Each structure stands twice: as structure tokens, then as C-alpha cells.
Amino acid sequence: MTTDVKVRNEDIPHVGLGTPAGEWFRRYWMPISRVEDLRDIPLGIRVLGEDLVLFRDLRGKPGLIGNSCPHRGTSLEYGDIEDRGIRCAYHGWLFDVEGRCLEQPTEPEGSVFHTKVRQTWYPVRELGGLIFSYMGPDGDNPPPLPRYAPLIDRGGLRQIEPTRHFDYNWLNFYENSADPLHVVILHRESGYGKQSWGDQFFSQADPPAYEPVETFYGMKIVMTKPGPSDDTEIVDEMSLGLPSILQIGDTEFVHAQLDKETLEKKGSQFEHAMFITPNDDDHFMMFTVDYYTGPDPDIFRHLKEMRKREEPKQDVKEYDHRKHMPFRGNVRREDLMTQGTQGILSQRSEHLGTSDVGIIMIRRLLRKNIEAALKGERPKGVLAWDEAENLFQLDSFVGVRAKKSE
């Protein structure tokens, strides 16, 4: 391990093997697929700059190994699934879910050459409809997979949205949630500004106060406004868990558009968690998990119907060929335009102001935890075995609560 290390902001976006952030990411379990998307054919995926193939053998065991066959380099994405693993289509070499070469049909009978070949492999686990992989230095003894609350059955309803794929750097999306004041500008014509609670709470003329707060899992942004009585306040929390998890709780009121009275009486009963897995420096995938504990049995259908109405409302001129037009009027498209055109942090110039305290904090936390990983220490979000059974819950309270005492 490196003992004398200083990580810069410019290092954070880069996730390849041997990079500071790439080595840090490899200390965590990361989602790589929905369970329902892994069927009877191999899935070629790119994770942290590595080309891999995910498959499930005919005995039902999932495996993640290097995509390029170590014999002549043919892609195992086109291999055949068998009881004991995946067989390369070129010369029939057979690999199990831990990368062991079991057979080499074209080698002489009795050859033990296959015992000398071991393909790159990483352990995988399934939890709550997602498949996670650990790509760290000790694949035989990885840390426990956290029991992330939205993936644990607690008497509510869960849906996992289709995987989304993005063609820009993962950090642009992740640290966006540490910048809450963009909501009152960017999203004023979309979900956050088109219903009674959003118009009030995220008013451009009177934006909420906000404070970044460090937590055991990373940090959270706590936005507040005066409540219905002098001793209360309206709160909207969103969390950034390490390495790259986001959770918000205002989906019911922003997209499902429940009324302000429901928020004041009951608060949010919705966890909207986003797990970001970088493919490489220029692409990432997102696994979105919704967990609901409220009274509406059709909440996900209602949410889908409401989101369909959030179409961009801009009139686009016939000579306007900008890539992201139209974007205003849809939260996700507004985010895509702004984040997708920023460029990578290490390649752009910035001038941060006093309103960027959340951005400053999350970058400090990332640098600190990357340095910890490089020193052989345990970064935030990586569990010890005596914590393995704990429910891993990020804060995303939205509603009215008593003011904190001064």
C-alpha cells in the first residue's frame, strides 16, 4: 500500500486500473446488472475500464470473468453456457464462474495445461434484484455486501427501473446532488416548479437554506424552510453515499405530485436510490431502486403516468441542431444537458462560489477516502464484518419536523 499519497480533485473522475479513484472504487461492491437482465446468454459489460462478461451457469450460479479468452482473445460474450460455466466458441475452452479453465478440447488427451490457466474473475452477489460485484484486491475474502435499505424487504413495495446508460463522467452526475441550488434555476420549469410544494419550497425568489452534513456513509444535503408553526421546519434531505450512491425522498411530491398537506402531515414514504457504476472515464450506468411504504398500491404506475407528462416544452427551431434540444420541462433531460456538457473535472476550469459548499465538501470527502484506501485503511461505506447484518440506510427525510434547538 502507498503511505505517502496526496489525491487531487483532478484524480477523482478517473477510474481505470492503477488510478487513485480506480483503486478506491475497487474496495466496494458495485451493482453491474439487474437480476432480470441476466438470462440465458452472456452479457458483455465494461466496469472501471475492464471488459468483462457476466453469465449464469446452468446450475444457476452467476459469474463475472474477463471477456477476452486467454487462449486467442476471442470474446466470451459469444460463448456457450453450460452446467459448469461458459465455453469459448473458438476452441472450446471452458471456464467456471471463478475463471478456472476446466477443459481444453484441442489439447492432447491427458494434458494438464488447463490447470495452469486462470481467467480474470470477480466475486458476485445478488441482493434485492441487483447483481453486485467486488473487484478489489482480495476476491477470496471480500468485505460484506451492505444491506442497502431499499434492497431489503421491509413491508413495502419495490421497483427497479430499467438500467440507464450515460456517455459522460460519473462524477458529473454524482456530485450534482451536492449542489441543491441548481434546482431553483435549472428545474424551475419542470418537476420541481410545477406543483404547489415545489413552487413554494424551491422558489427562485426565496430558495431554501441548505447545509452539507458529513455522515457515516458519506454526506447529506439538508434543505430547510420555515414550517407551519414557529417550532417546526420543512425539511428536504438528499444523501450521497460512498462510493457513488444517491438517495432522495421527495419523489412523491416532485413527480407523483402529492399535495402539500400530505407532506406536512405524513412526510415522504418513498426512497429513490440511484447506484452509479462507472464503465470507464467517459461512460457510466445507473441502477435506480424505488422503495415505497405508503398506502397507494399503484404508486409506481401513477409515478410512471406522471413522468410521461414531463415532456420537454421548448419550441425547437428547424435550424437548431444542438444535441440536447429540447430539454427544458423534463428533470432528467435537464440534468443530462447540464452534466453531459460539463466535461471531466480534470479537463475543465471552474470558479466555485460561496453557494458551492456542498461541492467543496463532497470533493474533500472523496479525496480523503481515496487516500485512506490507498493507505490500506477502510474508507466510508466499506463495512467491517461485525456490521454485516446492519441495515444500511441513507437519510432522505422529506416533511415537517421540530426545529433543532440552537
Protein backbone atom coordinates (compact mmCIF):
# COMPACT_ATOMS: atom_id res chain seq x y z
CA MET A 1 0.00 0.00 0.00
CA THR A 2 1.02 3.60 -0.60
CA THR A 3 1.65 5.50 2.65
CA ASP A 4 2.62 8.89 1.24
CA VAL A 5 -0.21 9.89 -1.08
CA LYS A 6 -1.96 13.13 -1.89
CA VAL A 7 -5.07 12.93 -4.04
CA ARG A 8 -6.13 15.95 -6.10
CA ASN A 9 -9.58 16.89 -7.34
CA GLU A 10 -8.30 16.12 -10.83
CA ASP A 11 -7.74 12.48 -9.80
CA ILE A 12 -11.31 11.80 -8.68
CA PRO A 13 -13.02 11.24 -12.06
CA HIS A 14 -10.57 8.62 -13.38
CA VAL A 15 -11.43 5.01 -12.57
CA GLY A 16 -9.06 2.77 -14.53
CA LEU A 17 -6.75 0.18 -13.01
CA GLY A 18 -3.91 1.83 -11.12
CA THR A 19 -5.56 5.23 -10.80
CA PRO A 20 -6.24 6.53 -7.26
CA ALA A 21 -10.02 6.58 -7.66
CA GLY A 22 -9.98 3.33 -9.61
CA GLU A 23 -8.23 1.55 -6.75
CA TRP A 24 -10.64 3.14 -4.27
CA PHE A 25 -13.74 2.07 -6.22
CA ARG A 26 -12.41 -1.48 -6.20
CA ARG A 27 -12.82 -1.60 -2.39
CA TYR A 28 -16.62 -1.52 -2.76
CA TRP A 29 -19.34 -3.82 -4.01
CA MET A 30 -20.85 -2.21 -7.12
CA PRO A 31 -24.04 -3.14 -9.00
CA ILE A 32 -23.36 -4.41 -12.50
CA SER A 33 -26.77 -5.66 -13.68
CA ARG A 34 -30.37 -6.16 -12.73
CA VAL A 35 -31.12 -9.79 -11.92
CA GLU A 36 -33.91 -9.83 -14.51
CA ASP A 37 -31.50 -8.77 -17.26
CA LEU A 38 -29.20 -11.78 -16.79
CA ARG A 39 -30.90 -14.53 -18.76
CA ASP A 40 -29.62 -17.48 -20.77
CA ILE A 41 -26.97 -15.62 -22.78
CA PRO A 42 -23.75 -13.92 -21.62
CA LEU A 43 -23.72 -10.16 -21.04
CA GLY A 44 -20.64 -8.22 -22.09
CA ILE A 45 -20.12 -5.29 -19.74
CA ARG A 46 -17.41 -2.71 -19.07
CA VAL A 47 -16.74 -1.82 -15.44
CA LEU A 48 -13.99 0.55 -14.23
CA GLY A 49 -12.31 0.31 -17.62
CA GLU A 50 -12.26 -3.51 -17.70
CA ASP A 51 -14.10 -5.54 -20.35
CA LEU A 52 -15.89 -8.41 -18.62
CA VAL A 53 -18.60 -10.97 -19.28
CA LEU A 54 -21.41 -11.73 -16.85
CA PHE A 55 -23.19 -15.07 -17.11
CA ARG A 56 -25.15 -17.60 -15.10
CA ASP A 57 -24.19 -21.26 -15.48
CA LEU A 58 -26.93 -23.85 -15.94
CA ARG A 59 -26.78 -24.65 -12.24
CA GLY A 60 -27.89 -21.06 -11.55
CA LYS A 61 -24.62 -19.63 -10.26
CA PRO A 62 -23.61 -16.19 -11.62
CA GLY A 63 -20.06 -15.43 -12.68
CA LEU A 64 -18.08 -12.40 -13.82
CA ILE A 65 -14.84 -13.05 -15.71
CA GLY A 66 -12.62 -11.34 -18.26
CA ASN A 67 -14.31 -11.06 -21.64
CA SER A 68 -11.26 -11.89 -23.75
CA CYS A 69 -10.49 -15.63 -23.86
CA PRO A 70 -6.89 -16.14 -22.64
CA HIS A 71 -6.26 -18.60 -25.49
CA ARG A 72 -6.55 -16.43 -28.60
CA GLY A 73 -8.52 -13.42 -27.39
CA THR A 74 -12.00 -14.22 -28.75
CA SER A 75 -14.88 -12.57 -26.89
CA LEU A 76 -16.56 -14.83 -24.36
CA GLU A 77 -19.70 -12.75 -24.78
CA TYR A 78 -20.43 -15.18 -27.64
CA GLY A 79 -19.62 -18.28 -25.58
CA ASP A 80 -21.96 -21.15 -24.79
CA ILE A 81 -23.44 -21.52 -21.32
CA GLU A 82 -23.09 -24.98 -19.77
CA ASP A 83 -23.61 -26.63 -16.38
CA ARG A 84 -20.08 -25.88 -15.22
CA GLY A 85 -19.54 -22.49 -16.83
CA ILE A 86 -19.01 -20.77 -20.18
CA ARG A 87 -17.29 -22.31 -23.21
CA CYS A 88 -15.41 -20.22 -25.77
CA ALA A 89 -16.87 -20.58 -29.26
CA TYR A 90 -13.43 -20.57 -30.92
CA HIS A 91 -11.58 -23.60 -29.49
CA GLY A 92 -13.96 -24.73 -26.77
CA TRP A 93 -12.01 -23.76 -23.67
CA LEU A 94 -14.40 -24.00 -20.69
CA PHE A 95 -14.27 -21.60 -17.72
CA ASP A 96 -16.20 -21.76 -14.47
CA VAL A 97 -17.63 -18.77 -12.59
CA GLU A 98 -14.30 -18.23 -10.81
CA GLY A 99 -12.26 -18.19 -14.00
CA ARG A 100 -10.78 -21.68 -13.71
CA CYS A 101 -10.10 -23.34 -17.05
CA LEU A 102 -11.77 -26.76 -16.83
CA GLU A 103 -11.37 -28.11 -20.36
CA GLN A 104 -9.26 -27.53 -23.50
CA PRO A 105 -10.69 -29.90 -26.15
CA THR A 106 -7.94 -29.27 -28.71
CA GLU A 107 -5.09 -30.16 -26.33
CA PRO A 108 -3.73 -33.74 -26.20
CA GLU A 109 -5.63 -36.24 -24.09
CA GLY A 110 -4.33 -36.22 -20.51
CA SER A 111 -2.90 -32.71 -20.79
CA VAL A 112 -2.88 -30.69 -17.57
CA PHE A 113 -2.23 -27.41 -19.36
CA HIS A 114 -5.73 -26.25 -18.41
CA THR A 115 -4.73 -26.21 -14.73
CA LYS A 116 -2.16 -23.51 -15.49
CA VAL A 117 -4.72 -21.08 -16.96
CA ARG A 118 -6.85 -18.82 -14.75
CA GLN A 119 -9.03 -16.14 -16.29
CA THR A 120 -9.61 -12.81 -14.53
CA TRP A 121 -12.65 -13.23 -12.27
CA TYR A 122 -14.54 -11.27 -9.63
CA PRO A 123 -17.00 -12.46 -6.98
CA VAL A 124 -20.66 -11.57 -7.48
CA ARG A 125 -23.65 -11.45 -5.11
CA GLU A 126 -27.37 -10.86 -5.64
CA LEU A 127 -29.42 -8.55 -3.42
CA GLY A 128 -32.91 -7.16 -3.86
CA GLY A 129 -33.00 -7.61 -7.62
CA LEU A 130 -29.48 -6.33 -8.36
CA ILE A 131 -26.25 -8.18 -9.06
CA PHE A 132 -23.18 -6.73 -7.35
CA SER A 133 -19.51 -7.41 -7.96
CA TYR A 134 -16.40 -6.81 -5.88
CA MET A 135 -13.32 -6.03 -7.98
CA GLY A 136 -10.91 -5.41 -5.13
CA PRO A 137 -7.56 -6.94 -4.17
CA ASP A 138 -8.90 -9.86 -2.11
CA GLY A 139 -11.55 -11.60 -4.16
CA ASP A 140 -11.39 -14.69 -1.96
CA ASN A 141 -12.25 -12.67 1.13
CA PRO A 142 -14.19 -9.54 0.15
CA PRO A 143 -15.89 -7.27 2.68
CA PRO A 144 -19.60 -7.87 3.36
CA LEU A 145 -22.11 -6.59 0.84
CA PRO A 146 -24.05 -3.83 2.64
CA ARG A 147 -27.75 -4.47 3.26
CA TYR A 148 -28.87 -1.30 1.48
CA ALA A 149 -32.30 -0.41 2.85
CA PRO A 150 -34.15 -0.04 -0.49
CA LEU A 151 -33.00 -3.56 -1.43
CA ILE A 152 -34.23 -5.17 1.79
CA ASP A 153 -37.89 -6.19 2.16
CA ARG A 154 -39.42 -4.14 4.98
CA GLY A 155 -43.12 -4.45 4.24
CA GLY A 156 -43.16 -2.01 1.34
CA LEU A 157 -43.18 -2.06 -2.46
CA ARG A 158 -40.05 -2.06 -4.61
CA GLN A 159 -39.37 -1.49 -8.27
CA ILE A 160 -36.06 -1.44 -10.11
CA GLU A 161 -36.21 0.83 -13.12
CA PRO A 162 -34.58 -0.14 -16.43
CA THR A 163 -30.83 0.45 -16.34
CA ARG A 164 -29.85 3.84 -17.72
CA HIS A 165 -26.61 4.43 -19.63
CA PHE A 166 -24.80 7.77 -19.90
CA ASP A 167 -21.91 8.92 -22.09
CA TYR A 168 -20.14 11.30 -19.72
CA ASN A 169 -18.14 11.04 -16.50
CA TRP A 170 -19.74 9.51 -13.42
CA LEU A 171 -18.67 12.36 -11.10
CA ASN A 172 -20.67 14.93 -13.05
CA PHE A 173 -23.87 13.12 -12.09
CA TYR A 174 -22.85 12.12 -8.59
CA GLU A 175 -21.74 15.48 -7.23
CA ASN A 176 -24.72 17.24 -8.81
CA SER A 177 -26.75 16.27 -5.73
CA ALA A 178 -24.31 18.19 -3.54
CA ASP A 179 -25.36 21.32 -5.48
CA PRO A 180 -29.03 21.77 -4.49
CA LEU A 181 -29.42 25.38 -5.57
CA HIS A 182 -29.29 24.37 -9.23
CA VAL A 183 -32.83 23.09 -8.66
CA VAL A 184 -34.31 26.59 -8.33
CA ILE A 185 -32.77 27.60 -11.67
CA LEU A 186 -32.48 24.53 -13.89
CA HIS A 187 -35.63 22.70 -12.78
CA ARG A 188 -37.98 25.65 -12.27
CA GLU A 189 -39.97 24.75 -15.39
CA SER A 190 -40.10 21.01 -14.71
CA GLY A 191 -40.92 18.70 -11.80
CA TYR A 192 -39.65 20.96 -9.02
CA GLY A 193 -41.51 24.06 -10.17
CA LYS A 194 -44.82 22.78 -11.46
CA GLN A 195 -46.71 21.84 -8.31
CA SER A 196 -47.65 23.65 -5.12
CA TRP A 197 -44.96 22.30 -2.81
CA GLY A 198 -42.16 22.67 -5.36
CA ASP A 199 -43.14 26.20 -6.27
CA GLN A 200 -43.02 27.17 -2.63
CA PHE A 201 -40.04 25.22 -1.35
CA PHE A 202 -37.79 25.70 -4.38
CA SER A 203 -38.81 29.26 -5.19
CA GLN A 204 -36.12 31.12 -7.12
CA ALA A 205 -37.00 34.32 -5.26
CA ASP A 206 -36.79 32.59 -1.88
CA PRO A 207 -34.69 29.40 -2.14
CA PRO A 208 -34.32 27.08 0.85
CA ALA A 209 -31.39 27.31 3.19
CA TYR A 210 -29.10 24.33 2.93
CA GLU A 211 -26.30 22.71 4.87
CA PRO A 212 -23.95 19.87 3.91
CA VAL A 213 -23.57 17.37 6.76
CA GLU A 214 -20.98 14.60 6.96
CA THR A 215 -22.39 11.15 7.81
CA PHE A 216 -21.09 7.63 8.41
CA TYR A 217 -21.85 6.74 4.77
CA GLY A 218 -20.67 9.99 3.14
CA MET A 219 -22.69 13.17 3.40
CA LYS A 220 -26.18 14.58 3.09
CA ILE A 221 -27.63 17.88 1.97
CA VAL A 222 -30.24 19.23 4.38
CA MET A 223 -32.52 21.91 2.90
CA THR A 224 -34.91 23.77 5.20
CA LYS A 225 -37.66 26.37 5.22
CA PRO A 226 -39.94 27.63 8.00
CA GLY A 227 -42.66 25.13 8.90
CA PRO A 228 -46.36 25.62 9.57
CA SER A 229 -45.59 26.64 13.18
CA ASP A 230 -42.79 28.59 14.79
CA ASP A 231 -41.20 25.49 16.30
CA THR A 232 -41.17 23.44 13.08
CA GLU A 233 -39.39 23.46 9.75
CA ILE A 234 -39.95 21.86 6.36
CA VAL A 235 -37.00 19.62 5.50
CA ASP A 236 -35.79 18.00 2.29
CA GLU A 237 -32.75 15.72 2.64
CA MET A 238 -30.76 14.02 -0.08
CA SER A 239 -27.78 11.81 0.55
CA LEU A 240 -24.54 10.96 -1.20
CA GLY A 241 -23.26 7.58 -0.05
CA LEU A 242 -19.78 6.39 -0.96
CA PRO A 243 -18.61 5.39 -3.41
CA SER A 244 -21.38 6.63 -5.75
CA ILE A 245 -24.87 6.20 -4.32
CA LEU A 246 -27.54 8.90 -4.27
CA GLN A 247 -30.86 8.87 -2.45
CA ILE A 248 -33.67 11.41 -2.46
CA GLY A 249 -37.03 11.31 -0.72
CA ASP A 250 -39.13 13.94 -2.49
CA THR A 251 -40.17 11.82 -5.49
CA GLU A 252 -43.77 11.62 -4.22
CA PHE A 253 -44.09 15.38 -4.20
CA VAL A 254 -41.98 16.27 -7.24
CA HIS A 255 -43.02 13.63 -9.76
CA ALA A 256 -46.11 11.95 -8.27
CA GLN A 257 -47.19 15.46 -7.20
CA LEU A 258 -48.83 14.66 -3.88
CA ASP A 259 -50.24 17.77 -2.27
CA LYS A 260 -48.54 19.95 0.29
CA GLU A 261 -50.94 18.90 3.04
CA THR A 262 -49.87 15.25 2.69
CA LEU A 263 -46.23 16.29 3.00
CA GLU A 264 -46.93 18.31 6.13
CA LYS A 265 -48.99 15.58 7.81
CA LYS A 266 -47.12 12.41 6.83
CA GLY A 267 -43.88 13.26 5.08
CA SER A 268 -42.23 11.19 2.42
CA GLN A 269 -42.73 7.44 2.32
CA PHE A 270 -40.53 6.96 -0.73
CA GLU A 271 -36.82 6.09 -1.08
CA HIS A 272 -35.44 6.83 -4.54
CA ALA A 273 -31.93 5.34 -4.63
CA MET A 274 -29.52 5.63 -7.54
CA PHE A 275 -26.45 3.38 -7.73
CA ILE A 276 -23.85 4.73 -10.17
CA THR A 277 -21.31 2.30 -11.64
CA PRO A 278 -18.64 3.79 -13.92
CA ASN A 279 -17.95 1.87 -17.12
CA ASP A 280 -14.87 4.00 -17.72
CA ASP A 281 -13.94 7.68 -17.58
CA ASP A 282 -16.50 8.63 -20.23
CA HIS A 283 -19.47 6.35 -19.51
CA PHE A 284 -21.46 5.10 -16.55
CA MET A 285 -24.59 3.10 -15.85
CA MET A 286 -27.24 3.76 -13.25
CA PHE A 287 -29.40 1.33 -11.31
CA THR A 288 -32.44 3.07 -9.85
CA VAL A 289 -34.36 1.48 -6.99
CA ASP A 290 -37.67 2.84 -5.70
CA TYR A 291 -38.95 1.64 -2.34
CA TYR A 292 -42.34 2.77 -1.07
CA THR A 293 -44.01 2.24 2.31
CA GLY A 294 -47.13 4.36 1.81
CA PRO A 295 -50.80 3.44 1.27
CA ASP A 296 -51.04 3.61 -2.55
CA PRO A 297 -50.73 0.08 -4.02
CA ASP A 298 -50.40 1.52 -7.52
CA ILE A 299 -47.79 4.18 -6.73
CA PHE A 300 -45.33 3.03 -9.39
CA ARG A 301 -47.98 3.08 -12.13
CA HIS A 302 -49.08 6.53 -11.02
CA LEU A 303 -45.47 7.71 -10.98
CA LYS A 304 -44.89 6.37 -14.50
CA GLU A 305 -48.01 8.15 -15.77
CA MET A 306 -46.93 11.44 -14.20
CA ARG A 307 -43.43 11.19 -15.65
CA LYS A 308 -44.88 10.67 -19.13
CA ARG A 309 -46.38 14.15 -18.85
CA GLU A 310 -42.98 15.68 -18.13
CA GLU A 311 -42.05 16.12 -21.76
CA PRO A 312 -39.76 18.98 -22.80
CA LYS A 313 -41.84 22.04 -23.61
CA GLN A 314 -39.40 24.06 -25.70
CA ASP A 315 -40.15 25.03 -29.26
CA VAL A 316 -37.14 23.94 -31.29
CA LYS A 317 -36.35 25.93 -34.41
CA GLU A 318 -35.78 23.90 -37.56
CA TYR A 319 -32.18 25.11 -37.76
CA ASP A 320 -31.43 24.25 -34.11
CA HIS A 321 -29.21 21.16 -34.27
CA ARG A 322 -27.90 21.23 -30.71
CA LYS A 323 -27.59 17.69 -29.38
CA HIS A 324 -29.67 18.06 -26.23
CA MET A 325 -32.58 20.11 -27.59
CA PRO A 326 -35.26 20.20 -26.32
CA PHE A 327 -34.50 19.76 -22.63
CA ARG A 328 -36.48 22.25 -20.52
CA GLY A 329 -39.51 20.77 -18.83
CA ASN A 330 -38.09 17.32 -18.03
CA VAL A 331 -35.86 16.90 -14.96
CA ARG A 332 -33.82 14.04 -16.36
CA ARG A 333 -33.21 15.76 -19.69
CA GLU A 334 -32.25 18.98 -17.95
CA ASP A 335 -29.68 17.06 -15.90
CA LEU A 336 -28.44 15.27 -18.99
CA MET A 337 -27.80 18.55 -20.82
CA THR A 338 -26.02 20.31 -17.97
CA GLN A 339 -23.93 17.40 -16.72
CA GLY A 340 -23.23 15.96 -20.15
CA THR A 341 -21.74 19.21 -21.43
CA GLN A 342 -19.53 19.99 -18.41
CA GLY A 343 -16.60 17.87 -19.45
CA ILE A 344 -14.46 15.91 -17.00
CA LEU A 345 -13.41 17.75 -13.83
CA SER A 346 -9.73 17.27 -14.66
CA GLN A 347 -10.21 18.97 -18.03
CA ARG A 348 -12.34 22.00 -17.19
CA SER A 349 -11.86 25.30 -15.43
CA GLU A 350 -14.12 26.27 -12.52
CA HIS A 351 -14.75 29.23 -10.25
CA LEU A 352 -16.56 27.97 -7.15
CA GLY A 353 -18.54 30.45 -5.05
CA THR A 354 -19.96 30.55 -1.54
CA SER A 355 -23.04 28.61 -2.66
CA ASP A 356 -20.83 25.66 -3.65
CA VAL A 357 -20.13 24.47 -0.09
CA GLY A 358 -21.71 21.09 -0.88
CA ILE A 359 -19.44 20.55 -3.85
CA ILE A 360 -16.42 21.53 -1.78
CA MET A 361 -17.38 19.07 0.97
CA ILE A 362 -18.05 16.06 -1.27
CA ARG A 363 -14.75 16.53 -3.11
CA ARG A 364 -12.91 16.79 0.21
CA LEU A 365 -14.60 13.59 1.40
CA LEU A 366 -13.76 11.79 -1.82
CA ARG A 367 -10.10 12.82 -1.66
CA LYS A 368 -9.87 11.79 1.99
CA ASN A 369 -11.43 8.37 1.41
CA ILE A 370 -9.43 7.66 -1.73
CA GLU A 371 -6.29 8.42 0.24
CA ALA A 372 -7.49 6.11 3.02
CA ALA A 373 -7.98 3.25 0.56
CA LEU A 374 -4.51 3.76 -0.93
CA LYS A 375 -3.03 3.60 2.58
CA GLY A 376 -4.74 0.29 3.25
CA GLU A 377 -7.36 1.80 5.53
CA ARG A 378 -11.11 1.17 5.34
CA PRO A 379 -12.97 4.03 3.62
CA LYS A 380 -16.50 5.14 4.45
CA GLY A 381 -19.14 2.75 3.15
CA VAL A 382 -16.92 -0.36 3.34
CA LEU A 383 -18.21 -2.47 6.20
CA ALA A 384 -16.41 -4.49 8.84
CA TRP A 385 -17.78 -7.99 9.40
CA ASP A 386 -19.37 -7.04 12.72
CA GLU A 387 -21.50 -4.54 10.77
CA ALA A 388 -22.58 -7.03 8.09
CA GLU A 389 -26.14 -7.56 9.39
CA ASN A 390 -26.90 -3.88 9.97
CA LEU A 391 -29.46 -2.18 7.76
CA PHE A 392 -27.51 0.31 5.62
CA GLN A 393 -29.81 3.30 5.43
CA LEU A 394 -29.17 6.66 3.80
CA ASP A 395 -31.06 9.72 5.03
CA SER A 396 -33.72 11.17 2.75
CA PHE A 397 -36.37 12.56 5.07
CA VAL A 398 -38.81 14.97 3.47
CA GLY A 399 -41.53 16.55 5.58
CA VAL A 400 -42.11 18.65 8.67
CA ARG A 401 -40.16 18.15 11.86
CA ALA A 402 -39.32 20.07 15.02
CA LYS A 403 -36.63 22.68 14.67
CA LYS A 404 -33.27 21.79 16.11
CA SER A 405 -32.53 23.56 19.35
CA GLU A 406 -30.00 26.34 18.98
